[in-house]
N, C-alpha and C. Protein backbone atom coordinates (compact mmCIF):
# COMPACT_ATOMS: atom_id res chain seq x y z
N ARG A 1 8.70 49.89 60.19
CA ARG A 1 7.51 50.57 60.67
C ARG A 1 6.29 49.75 60.34
N MET A 2 5.31 49.83 61.21
CA MET A 2 4.09 49.04 61.03
C MET A 2 2.90 49.80 61.60
N VAL A 3 1.77 49.72 60.89
CA VAL A 3 0.51 50.28 61.36
C VAL A 3 -0.48 49.14 61.45
N VAL A 4 -1.18 49.04 62.58
CA VAL A 4 -2.24 48.05 62.74
C VAL A 4 -3.54 48.82 62.86
N ASN A 5 -4.46 48.58 61.93
CA ASN A 5 -5.78 49.21 61.95
C ASN A 5 -6.78 48.23 62.55
N PHE A 6 -7.45 48.64 63.61
CA PHE A 6 -8.46 47.79 64.23
C PHE A 6 -9.85 48.07 63.68
N ASP A 7 -9.92 49.08 62.84
CA ASP A 7 -11.18 49.39 62.16
C ASP A 7 -10.84 50.04 60.82
N VAL A 8 -11.83 50.14 59.97
CA VAL A 8 -11.62 50.75 58.66
C VAL A 8 -12.40 52.07 58.64
N PRO A 9 -11.73 53.19 58.37
CA PRO A 9 -12.45 54.46 58.32
C PRO A 9 -13.47 54.48 57.18
N GLN A 10 -14.52 55.25 57.35
CA GLN A 10 -15.55 55.39 56.32
C GLN A 10 -15.01 56.08 55.08
N ASP A 11 -14.02 56.95 55.25
CA ASP A 11 -13.44 57.70 54.13
C ASP A 11 -12.14 57.02 53.69
N PRO A 12 -12.09 56.52 52.45
CA PRO A 12 -10.88 55.84 51.98
C PRO A 12 -9.62 56.70 52.07
N GLU A 13 -9.74 58.00 51.90
CA GLU A 13 -8.56 58.87 51.96
C GLU A 13 -7.96 58.91 53.36
N VAL A 14 -8.80 58.78 54.39
CA VAL A 14 -8.31 58.73 55.77
C VAL A 14 -7.47 57.47 55.97
N TYR A 15 -7.94 56.37 55.41
CA TYR A 15 -7.19 55.11 55.50
C TYR A 15 -5.82 55.24 54.82
N VAL A 16 -5.81 55.80 53.63
CA VAL A 16 -4.55 55.96 52.89
C VAL A 16 -3.59 56.84 53.68
N HIS A 17 -4.10 57.89 54.31
CA HIS A 17 -3.26 58.77 55.12
C HIS A 17 -2.67 58.00 56.31
N ARG A 18 -3.51 57.20 56.99
CA ARG A 18 -3.05 56.40 58.12
C ARG A 18 -1.94 55.44 57.71
N VAL A 19 -2.19 54.70 56.64
CA VAL A 19 -1.24 53.68 56.19
C VAL A 19 0.03 54.34 55.67
N GLY A 20 -0.09 55.51 55.11
CA GLY A 20 1.07 56.21 54.59
C GLY A 20 2.10 56.53 55.65
N ARG A 21 1.72 56.50 56.90
CA ARG A 21 2.67 56.76 57.99
C ARG A 21 3.74 55.68 58.09
N THR A 22 3.49 54.52 57.51
CA THR A 22 4.46 53.43 57.60
C THR A 22 5.64 53.62 56.67
N ALA A 23 5.49 54.40 55.62
CA ALA A 23 6.54 54.49 54.60
C ALA A 23 6.90 55.93 54.29
N ARG A 24 7.44 56.61 55.25
CA ARG A 24 7.87 57.98 55.04
C ARG A 24 9.25 58.03 54.41
N ALA A 25 9.47 59.00 53.59
CA ALA A 25 10.78 59.27 52.98
C ALA A 25 11.37 58.04 52.29
N GLY A 26 10.52 57.30 51.58
CA GLY A 26 11.00 56.17 50.81
C GLY A 26 11.23 54.89 51.60
N ALA A 27 11.02 54.94 52.91
CA ALA A 27 11.21 53.73 53.72
C ALA A 27 10.06 52.75 53.46
N ARG A 28 10.32 51.47 53.70
CA ARG A 28 9.28 50.45 53.53
C ARG A 28 8.50 50.33 54.83
N GLY A 29 7.27 49.87 54.71
CA GLY A 29 6.44 49.69 55.89
C GLY A 29 5.42 48.60 55.68
N LEU A 30 4.72 48.25 56.74
CA LEU A 30 3.70 47.21 56.69
C LEU A 30 2.44 47.73 57.36
N ALA A 31 1.31 47.50 56.71
CA ALA A 31 0.01 47.87 57.30
C ALA A 31 -0.82 46.61 57.41
N LEU A 32 -1.36 46.36 58.59
CA LEU A 32 -2.23 45.23 58.85
C LEU A 32 -3.58 45.79 59.28
N THR A 33 -4.63 45.36 58.61
CA THR A 33 -5.96 45.86 58.92
C THR A 33 -6.87 44.70 59.26
N LEU A 34 -7.49 44.76 60.43
CA LEU A 34 -8.44 43.74 60.85
C LEU A 34 -9.82 44.17 60.36
N LEU A 35 -10.49 43.27 59.64
CA LEU A 35 -11.80 43.59 59.05
C LEU A 35 -12.90 42.72 59.63
N SER A 36 -14.03 43.32 59.85
CA SER A 36 -15.24 42.55 60.13
C SER A 36 -15.92 42.31 58.78
N PRO A 37 -16.83 41.35 58.70
CA PRO A 37 -17.46 41.07 57.39
C PRO A 37 -18.10 42.31 56.75
N ASP A 38 -18.68 43.19 57.56
CA ASP A 38 -19.34 44.36 56.96
C ASP A 38 -18.35 45.44 56.52
N GLU A 39 -17.07 45.28 56.84
CA GLU A 39 -16.07 46.26 56.41
C GLU A 39 -15.39 45.87 55.09
N TRP A 40 -15.70 44.70 54.56
CA TRP A 40 -15.09 44.27 53.29
C TRP A 40 -15.44 45.24 52.17
N LEU A 41 -16.65 45.79 52.17
CA LEU A 41 -17.03 46.74 51.13
C LEU A 41 -16.20 48.02 51.22
N LEU A 42 -15.95 48.47 52.45
CA LEU A 42 -15.12 49.67 52.63
C LEU A 42 -13.72 49.44 52.08
N MET A 43 -13.20 48.25 52.29
CA MET A 43 -11.87 47.93 51.78
C MET A 43 -11.86 47.95 50.25
N GLY A 44 -12.96 47.55 49.64
CA GLY A 44 -13.07 47.62 48.18
C GLY A 44 -12.98 49.05 47.68
N ASP A 45 -13.57 49.99 48.42
CA ASP A 45 -13.48 51.41 48.05
C ASP A 45 -12.03 51.90 48.13
N ILE A 46 -11.32 51.43 49.15
CA ILE A 46 -9.91 51.82 49.32
C ILE A 46 -9.07 51.25 48.17
N GLU A 47 -9.33 50.00 47.81
CA GLU A 47 -8.60 49.39 46.70
C GLU A 47 -8.82 50.15 45.40
N LYS A 48 -10.04 50.61 45.18
CA LYS A 48 -10.32 51.41 43.97
C LYS A 48 -9.52 52.71 43.99
N LEU A 49 -9.46 53.35 45.16
CA LEU A 49 -8.76 54.62 45.28
C LEU A 49 -7.27 54.48 44.97
N VAL A 50 -6.64 53.44 45.48
CA VAL A 50 -5.20 53.28 45.29
C VAL A 50 -4.84 52.47 44.05
N GLY A 51 -5.83 51.84 43.42
CA GLY A 51 -5.59 51.12 42.19
C GLY A 51 -4.91 49.77 42.35
N GLN A 52 -5.09 49.14 43.49
CA GLN A 52 -4.54 47.80 43.68
C GLN A 52 -5.40 47.02 44.67
N THR A 53 -5.26 45.71 44.63
CA THR A 53 -6.01 44.87 45.57
C THR A 53 -5.07 44.39 46.66
N PHE A 54 -5.63 44.17 47.83
CA PHE A 54 -4.86 43.73 48.99
C PHE A 54 -5.23 42.29 49.33
N PRO A 55 -4.24 41.49 49.72
CA PRO A 55 -4.56 40.11 50.11
C PRO A 55 -5.39 40.09 51.38
N ARG A 56 -6.31 39.13 51.44
CA ARG A 56 -7.14 38.97 52.64
C ARG A 56 -6.95 37.56 53.17
N GLU A 57 -6.83 37.45 54.46
CA GLU A 57 -6.70 36.15 55.10
C GLU A 57 -7.67 36.09 56.28
N VAL A 58 -8.23 34.91 56.49
CA VAL A 58 -9.07 34.69 57.66
C VAL A 58 -8.17 34.08 58.73
N ILE A 59 -8.19 34.67 59.92
CA ILE A 59 -7.37 34.18 61.02
C ILE A 59 -8.06 32.96 61.63
N PRO A 60 -7.38 31.83 61.70
CA PRO A 60 -7.99 30.63 62.28
C PRO A 60 -8.50 30.91 63.70
N GLY A 61 -9.73 30.49 63.94
CA GLY A 61 -10.37 30.74 65.23
C GLY A 61 -11.19 32.02 65.25
N PHE A 62 -11.04 32.84 64.21
CA PHE A 62 -11.79 34.10 64.12
C PHE A 62 -12.60 34.16 62.83
N GLU A 63 -13.02 33.01 62.35
CA GLU A 63 -13.81 32.96 61.12
C GLU A 63 -15.11 33.73 61.32
N PRO A 64 -15.53 34.50 60.32
CA PRO A 64 -16.80 35.24 60.45
C PRO A 64 -17.98 34.27 60.46
N SER A 65 -18.99 34.61 61.25
CA SER A 65 -20.19 33.78 61.27
C SER A 65 -21.11 34.13 60.11
N VAL A 66 -20.82 35.23 59.43
CA VAL A 66 -21.60 35.68 58.28
C VAL A 66 -20.64 35.81 57.11
N ALA A 67 -21.08 35.43 55.93
CA ALA A 67 -20.23 35.58 54.75
C ALA A 67 -19.99 37.06 54.47
N PRO A 68 -18.75 37.45 54.15
CA PRO A 68 -18.48 38.85 53.84
C PRO A 68 -19.21 39.28 52.58
N LEU A 69 -19.61 40.54 52.58
CA LEU A 69 -20.27 41.11 51.41
C LEU A 69 -19.22 41.34 50.33
N GLN A 70 -19.62 41.19 49.10
CA GLN A 70 -18.71 41.42 47.98
C GLN A 70 -19.04 42.76 47.34
N PRO A 71 -18.03 43.51 46.91
CA PRO A 71 -18.29 44.80 46.27
C PRO A 71 -19.18 44.64 45.03
N VAL A 72 -20.12 45.54 44.90
CA VAL A 72 -21.02 45.56 43.75
C VAL A 72 -21.00 46.98 43.19
N SER A 73 -20.94 47.10 41.89
CA SER A 73 -20.91 48.44 41.31
C SER A 73 -22.25 49.14 41.53
N ARG A 74 -22.19 50.44 41.71
CA ARG A 74 -23.41 51.23 41.92
C ARG A 74 -24.34 51.14 40.71
N GLN A 75 -23.75 51.05 39.51
CA GLN A 75 -24.57 50.95 38.30
C GLN A 75 -25.39 49.68 38.31
N LEU A 76 -24.80 48.58 38.76
CA LEU A 76 -25.52 47.32 38.83
C LEU A 76 -26.67 47.40 39.82
N VAL A 77 -26.42 48.02 40.97
CA VAL A 77 -27.47 48.17 41.98
C VAL A 77 -28.61 49.01 41.42
N GLN A 78 -28.29 50.11 40.75
CA GLN A 78 -29.33 50.97 40.19
C GLN A 78 -30.11 50.25 39.11
N ALA A 79 -29.44 49.43 38.31
CA ALA A 79 -30.13 48.69 37.25
C ALA A 79 -31.11 47.69 37.84
N LYS A 80 -30.73 47.05 38.94
CA LYS A 80 -31.62 46.08 39.58
C LYS A 80 -32.81 46.76 40.25
N GLN A 81 -32.59 47.97 40.77
CA GLN A 81 -33.66 48.68 41.47
C GLN A 81 -34.65 49.30 40.49
N GLY A 82 -34.25 49.53 39.29
CA GLY A 82 -35.13 50.18 38.33
C GLY A 82 -35.09 51.68 38.50
N PRO A 83 -35.95 52.37 37.74
CA PRO A 83 -35.95 53.83 37.83
C PRO A 83 -36.38 54.29 39.21
N SER A 84 -35.81 55.42 39.63
CA SER A 84 -36.17 55.93 40.95
C SER A 84 -37.59 56.50 40.93
N VAL A 85 -38.23 56.41 42.06
CA VAL A 85 -39.60 56.91 42.19
C VAL A 85 -39.55 58.10 43.12
N ARG A 86 -40.12 59.19 42.70
CA ARG A 86 -40.13 60.39 43.54
C ARG A 86 -41.30 60.32 44.50
N ALA A 87 -41.02 60.74 45.71
CA ALA A 87 -42.08 60.76 46.72
C ALA A 87 -42.99 61.95 46.47
N ARG A 88 -44.24 61.77 46.84
CA ARG A 88 -45.17 62.90 46.72
C ARG A 88 -44.79 63.96 47.74
N SER A 89 -45.14 65.19 47.45
CA SER A 89 -44.84 66.24 48.40
C SER A 89 -45.65 66.00 49.67
N GLY A 90 -45.09 66.45 50.78
CA GLY A 90 -45.69 66.19 52.10
C GLY A 90 -47.11 66.70 52.23
N GLY A 91 -47.64 66.56 53.39
CA GLY A 91 -49.01 66.98 53.62
C GLY A 91 -49.86 65.82 54.07
N ARG A 92 -51.07 66.12 54.47
CA ARG A 92 -51.96 65.06 54.95
C ARG A 92 -52.68 64.39 53.80
N ARG A 93 -53.01 63.15 54.03
CA ARG A 93 -53.77 62.41 53.02
C ARG A 93 -55.21 62.88 53.04
N ARG A 94 -55.80 63.00 51.89
CA ARG A 94 -57.22 63.37 51.82
C ARG A 94 -58.06 62.15 52.00
N ARG A 95 -59.18 62.31 52.64
CA ARG A 95 -60.11 61.18 52.83
C ARG A 95 -61.32 61.34 51.98
């Protein structure tokens, strides 16, 4: 059995459900997922959910024109951004 994913779902659990169709009742299966550079981060979320990393290969002739994004922890992003700033309540500006 084999599943070919032409896109990566936004929800990692949906991906796991899709791929799980390849290995029902103890049978072995293969899942192949085609990724665009902006989907590499989504794949990182899936790897965290299942607790393993998946091999990635670039298909010759289909090299991305943009370097893929690398997963970054949310804590690191928040640390770089600094403390959050609250917006003022709405309304018109006084002159």
